[in-house]
Amino acid sequence: MDNGKIFERLLRLANSKGVIVRFCPFQALEGRLYGNRLEIAQDLTIEKINYNLARELAHAYLHYDKGDTIHSKCRADYEEQADRAAKILLELIKTA
């Protein structure tokens, strides 16, 4: 069981990058990064919160210099990269 430790570590990582994390009442999204603001849907399980936080942080680290990644022709590649990086990050945190 997580007991919030993974979330705490991800939050520290976000803070060290200057990323502000907030919970929002999203209807269609689970997470979103806009500039230095990372927003997570407020009604998710802790596992989904952790995954989405890790995924959006991956975008912050990998794609910070790519401009508008949502409307980019490379969007599918960016999403796959963030997904893979999030899985790696979560595995590293779980074993630390």
N, C-alpha and C. Protein backbone atom coordinates (compact mmCIF):
# COMPACT_ATOMS: atom_id res chain seq x y z
N MET A 1 0.84 -1.19 0.00
CA MET A 1 0.00 0.00 0.00
C MET A 1 0.88 1.25 0.00
N ASP A 2 0.43 2.27 -0.67
CA ASP A 2 1.20 3.50 -0.89
C ASP A 2 1.28 4.39 0.36
N ASN A 3 0.17 4.60 1.03
CA ASN A 3 0.08 5.50 2.18
C ASN A 3 0.56 6.92 1.89
N GLY A 4 0.52 7.33 0.63
CA GLY A 4 0.87 8.69 0.27
C GLY A 4 2.35 8.96 0.06
N LYS A 5 3.22 7.97 0.29
CA LYS A 5 4.66 8.20 0.17
C LYS A 5 5.09 8.45 -1.27
N ILE A 6 4.52 7.75 -2.21
CA ILE A 6 4.85 7.97 -3.62
C ILE A 6 4.39 9.36 -4.03
N PHE A 7 3.18 9.72 -3.62
CA PHE A 7 2.66 11.05 -3.92
C PHE A 7 3.57 12.13 -3.35
N GLU A 8 4.01 11.97 -2.11
CA GLU A 8 4.89 12.95 -1.47
C GLU A 8 6.19 13.11 -2.25
N ARG A 9 6.77 12.01 -2.70
CA ARG A 9 8.01 12.08 -3.47
C ARG A 9 7.80 12.76 -4.81
N LEU A 10 6.70 12.45 -5.46
CA LEU A 10 6.39 13.10 -6.73
C LEU A 10 6.16 14.59 -6.53
N LEU A 11 5.50 14.95 -5.46
CA LEU A 11 5.24 16.35 -5.16
C LEU A 11 6.55 17.10 -4.89
N ARG A 12 7.48 16.47 -4.19
CA ARG A 12 8.79 17.09 -3.96
C ARG A 12 9.52 17.31 -5.28
N LEU A 13 9.42 16.32 -6.17
CA LEU A 13 10.04 16.45 -7.49
C LEU A 13 9.42 17.62 -8.26
N ALA A 14 8.11 17.72 -8.21
CA ALA A 14 7.42 18.83 -8.87
C ALA A 14 7.89 20.16 -8.30
N ASN A 15 7.96 20.26 -6.99
CA ASN A 15 8.39 21.50 -6.35
C ASN A 15 9.81 21.87 -6.73
N SER A 16 10.68 20.87 -6.84
CA SER A 16 12.07 21.15 -7.21
C SER A 16 12.18 21.67 -8.64
N LYS A 17 11.21 21.32 -9.47
CA LYS A 17 11.18 21.79 -10.86
C LYS A 17 10.42 23.11 -10.99
N GLY A 18 9.83 23.59 -9.89
CA GLY A 18 9.05 24.82 -9.93
C GLY A 18 7.65 24.62 -10.46
N VAL A 19 7.16 23.38 -10.41
CA VAL A 19 5.83 23.05 -10.90
C VAL A 19 4.85 23.09 -9.73
N ILE A 20 3.77 23.81 -9.91
CA ILE A 20 2.72 23.93 -8.90
C ILE A 20 1.64 22.88 -9.19
N VAL A 21 1.34 22.05 -8.22
CA VAL A 21 0.36 20.97 -8.39
C VAL A 21 -0.94 21.36 -7.70
N ARG A 22 -2.04 21.22 -8.45
CA ARG A 22 -3.37 21.52 -7.91
C ARG A 22 -4.34 20.42 -8.33
N PHE A 23 -5.35 20.24 -7.52
CA PHE A 23 -6.44 19.32 -7.87
C PHE A 23 -7.60 20.14 -8.43
N CYS A 24 -8.20 19.63 -9.51
CA CYS A 24 -9.28 20.36 -10.19
C CYS A 24 -10.46 19.42 -10.46
N PRO A 25 -11.66 19.99 -10.60
CA PRO A 25 -12.85 19.17 -10.89
C PRO A 25 -13.01 18.91 -12.40
N PHE A 26 -12.04 18.20 -12.98
CA PHE A 26 -12.11 17.90 -14.41
C PHE A 26 -13.26 16.94 -14.71
N GLN A 27 -13.84 17.09 -15.87
CA GLN A 27 -14.87 16.17 -16.35
C GLN A 27 -14.27 15.15 -17.32
N ALA A 28 -13.40 15.61 -18.22
CA ALA A 28 -12.91 14.75 -19.29
C ALA A 28 -11.41 14.43 -19.19
N LEU A 29 -10.69 15.11 -18.34
CA LEU A 29 -9.25 14.91 -18.21
C LEU A 29 -8.91 14.29 -16.87
N GLU A 30 -7.76 13.60 -16.83
CA GLU A 30 -7.24 13.13 -15.55
C GLU A 30 -6.08 13.99 -15.09
N GLY A 31 -5.37 14.60 -16.04
CA GLY A 31 -4.26 15.46 -15.69
C GLY A 31 -3.88 16.35 -16.85
N ARG A 32 -3.23 17.48 -16.50
CA ARG A 32 -2.83 18.42 -17.55
C ARG A 32 -1.70 19.29 -17.01
N LEU A 33 -0.76 19.58 -17.89
CA LEU A 33 0.34 20.49 -17.57
C LEU A 33 0.20 21.71 -18.46
N TYR A 34 0.22 22.87 -17.84
CA TYR A 34 0.14 24.12 -18.60
C TYR A 34 1.17 25.07 -17.99
N GLY A 35 2.26 25.25 -18.70
CA GLY A 35 3.35 26.05 -18.16
C GLY A 35 3.92 25.37 -16.94
N ASN A 36 3.91 26.07 -15.81
CA ASN A 36 4.42 25.46 -14.57
C ASN A 36 3.28 25.01 -13.65
N ARG A 37 2.07 24.93 -14.21
CA ARG A 37 0.91 24.47 -13.43
C ARG A 37 0.53 23.07 -13.86
N LEU A 38 0.49 22.18 -12.91
CA LEU A 38 0.10 20.80 -13.17
C LEU A 38 -1.21 20.56 -12.43
N GLU A 39 -2.22 20.17 -13.17
CA GLU A 39 -3.55 19.97 -12.58
C GLU A 39 -3.94 18.52 -12.71
N ILE A 40 -4.45 17.97 -11.62
CA ILE A 40 -4.88 16.57 -11.54
C ILE A 40 -6.35 16.54 -11.16
N ALA A 41 -7.10 15.63 -11.78
CA ALA A 41 -8.52 15.49 -11.43
C ALA A 41 -8.64 15.10 -9.96
N GLN A 42 -9.57 15.71 -9.28
CA GLN A 42 -9.69 15.53 -7.84
C GLN A 42 -10.39 14.25 -7.41
N ASP A 43 -11.03 13.55 -8.32
CA ASP A 43 -11.80 12.37 -7.93
C ASP A 43 -11.13 11.05 -8.32
N LEU A 44 -9.82 11.03 -8.41
CA LEU A 44 -9.09 9.82 -8.81
C LEU A 44 -8.63 9.03 -7.59
N THR A 45 -8.33 7.76 -7.81
CA THR A 45 -7.71 6.94 -6.75
C THR A 45 -6.27 7.41 -6.58
N ILE A 46 -5.64 7.04 -5.49
CA ILE A 46 -4.25 7.44 -5.25
C ILE A 46 -3.34 6.87 -6.33
N GLU A 47 -3.63 5.68 -6.82
CA GLU A 47 -2.81 5.09 -7.88
C GLU A 47 -2.89 5.91 -9.17
N LYS A 48 -4.10 6.35 -9.51
CA LYS A 48 -4.26 7.17 -10.71
C LYS A 48 -3.69 8.58 -10.51
N ILE A 49 -3.81 9.10 -9.31
CA ILE A 49 -3.20 10.40 -9.02
C ILE A 49 -1.69 10.30 -9.23
N ASN A 50 -1.09 9.27 -8.64
CA ASN A 50 0.36 9.09 -8.77
C ASN A 50 0.76 8.93 -10.23
N TYR A 51 0.04 8.11 -10.97
CA TYR A 51 0.37 7.88 -12.37
C TYR A 51 0.27 9.18 -13.17
N ASN A 52 -0.81 9.91 -13.01
CA ASN A 52 -1.00 11.14 -13.77
C ASN A 52 -0.02 12.22 -13.35
N LEU A 53 0.31 12.28 -12.09
CA LEU A 53 1.31 13.23 -11.63
C LEU A 53 2.67 12.88 -12.23
N ALA A 54 3.04 11.61 -12.22
CA ALA A 54 4.31 11.18 -12.82
C ALA A 54 4.32 11.45 -14.32
N ARG A 55 3.21 11.22 -14.96
CA ARG A 55 3.12 11.41 -16.42
C ARG A 55 3.25 12.88 -16.81
N GLU A 56 2.57 13.74 -16.09
CA GLU A 56 2.66 15.16 -16.39
C GLU A 56 4.03 15.72 -16.02
N LEU A 57 4.64 15.20 -14.97
CA LEU A 57 6.01 15.60 -14.64
C LEU A 57 6.97 15.16 -15.75
N ALA A 58 6.72 13.99 -16.31
CA ALA A 58 7.55 13.53 -17.44
C ALA A 58 7.46 14.53 -18.58
N HIS A 59 6.26 15.01 -18.87
CA HIS A 59 6.11 16.06 -19.89
C HIS A 59 6.92 17.30 -19.52
N ALA A 60 6.88 17.69 -18.24
CA ALA A 60 7.60 18.88 -17.79
C ALA A 60 9.10 18.73 -18.02
N TYR A 61 9.62 17.55 -17.81
CA TYR A 61 11.06 17.33 -17.98
C TYR A 61 11.44 17.06 -19.43
N LEU A 62 10.62 16.32 -20.14
CA LEU A 62 10.97 15.91 -21.51
C LEU A 62 10.60 16.93 -22.58
N HIS A 63 9.50 17.63 -22.38
CA HIS A 63 8.93 18.44 -23.46
C HIS A 63 8.81 19.92 -23.13
N TYR A 64 9.54 20.37 -22.13
CA TYR A 64 9.44 21.77 -21.69
C TYR A 64 9.78 22.76 -22.80
N ASP A 65 10.58 22.34 -23.76
CA ASP A 65 11.02 23.26 -24.81
C ASP A 65 10.34 23.01 -26.16
N LYS A 66 9.26 22.26 -26.16
CA LYS A 66 8.61 21.87 -27.42
C LYS A 66 7.44 22.77 -27.81
N GLY A 67 7.08 23.73 -26.99
CA GLY A 67 5.96 24.60 -27.33
C GLY A 67 4.63 23.89 -27.10
N ASP A 68 3.69 24.12 -27.98
CA ASP A 68 2.35 23.55 -27.88
C ASP A 68 2.39 22.08 -28.30
N THR A 69 2.48 21.18 -27.32
CA THR A 69 2.55 19.74 -27.65
C THR A 69 1.18 19.16 -27.94
N ILE A 70 0.14 19.80 -27.51
CA ILE A 70 -1.22 19.28 -27.74
C ILE A 70 -1.58 19.31 -29.21
N HIS A 71 -1.21 20.36 -29.89
CA HIS A 71 -1.56 20.49 -31.31
C HIS A 71 -0.40 20.15 -32.24
N SER A 72 0.64 19.57 -31.68
CA SER A 72 1.83 19.22 -32.46
C SER A 72 1.59 17.96 -33.29
N LYS A 73 2.25 17.89 -34.43
CA LYS A 73 2.18 16.67 -35.24
C LYS A 73 2.91 15.51 -34.55
N CYS A 74 3.71 15.83 -33.54
CA CYS A 74 4.45 14.81 -32.79
C CYS A 74 3.74 14.41 -31.49
N ARG A 75 2.50 14.82 -31.33
CA ARG A 75 1.79 14.61 -30.07
C ARG A 75 1.78 13.15 -29.63
N ALA A 76 1.52 12.23 -30.56
CA ALA A 76 1.49 10.81 -30.20
C ALA A 76 2.83 10.36 -29.64
N ASP A 77 3.92 10.83 -30.25
CA ASP A 77 5.25 10.49 -29.75
C ASP A 77 5.48 11.07 -28.36
N TYR A 78 5.08 12.32 -28.15
CA TYR A 78 5.25 12.95 -26.84
C TYR A 78 4.46 12.20 -25.77
N GLU A 79 3.25 11.78 -26.11
CA GLU A 79 2.41 11.06 -25.15
C GLU A 79 3.03 9.71 -24.80
N GLU A 80 3.54 9.01 -25.80
CA GLU A 80 4.19 7.72 -25.55
C GLU A 80 5.44 7.90 -24.68
N GLN A 81 6.22 8.91 -24.97
CA GLN A 81 7.42 9.18 -24.18
C GLN A 81 7.07 9.46 -22.72
N ALA A 82 6.05 10.28 -22.51
CA ALA A 82 5.63 10.63 -21.15
C ALA A 82 5.10 9.40 -20.42
N ASP A 83 4.36 8.56 -21.12
CA ASP A 83 3.82 7.34 -20.52
C ASP A 83 4.95 6.41 -20.07
N ARG A 84 5.92 6.21 -20.94
CA ARG A 84 7.05 5.33 -20.59
C ARG A 84 7.86 5.91 -19.43
N ALA A 85 8.12 7.21 -19.48
CA ALA A 85 8.89 7.85 -18.42
C ALA A 85 8.16 7.78 -17.08
N ALA A 86 6.84 7.94 -17.11
CA ALA A 86 6.05 7.86 -15.87
C ALA A 86 6.15 6.47 -15.27
N LYS A 87 6.08 5.45 -16.09
CA LYS A 87 6.18 4.08 -15.58
C LYS A 87 7.55 3.82 -14.96
N ILE A 88 8.60 4.32 -15.60
CA ILE A 88 9.94 4.18 -15.06
C ILE A 88 10.07 4.93 -13.73
N LEU A 89 9.59 6.17 -13.70
CA LEU A 89 9.67 6.99 -12.51
C LEU A 89 8.94 6.32 -11.33
N LEU A 90 7.75 5.80 -11.58
CA LEU A 90 6.99 5.14 -10.52
C LEU A 90 7.71 3.89 -10.02
N GLU A 91 8.30 3.12 -10.91
CA GLU A 91 9.05 1.93 -10.51
C GLU A 91 10.24 2.31 -9.64
N LEU A 92 10.96 3.35 -10.04
CA LEU A 92 12.11 3.81 -9.26
C LEU A 92 11.70 4.28 -7.87
N ILE A 93 10.62 5.03 -7.80
CA ILE A 93 10.16 5.52 -6.51
C ILE A 93 9.69 4.38 -5.62
N LYS A 94 9.02 3.40 -6.19
CA LYS A 94 8.51 2.26 -5.40
C LYS A 94 9.65 1.44 -4.80
N THR A 95 10.75 1.34 -5.52
CA THR A 95 11.85 0.51 -5.04
C THR A 95 12.86 1.28 -4.19
N ALA A 96 12.69 2.59 -4.10
CA ALA A 96 13.65 3.42 -3.34
C ALA A 96 13.41 3.30 -1.85
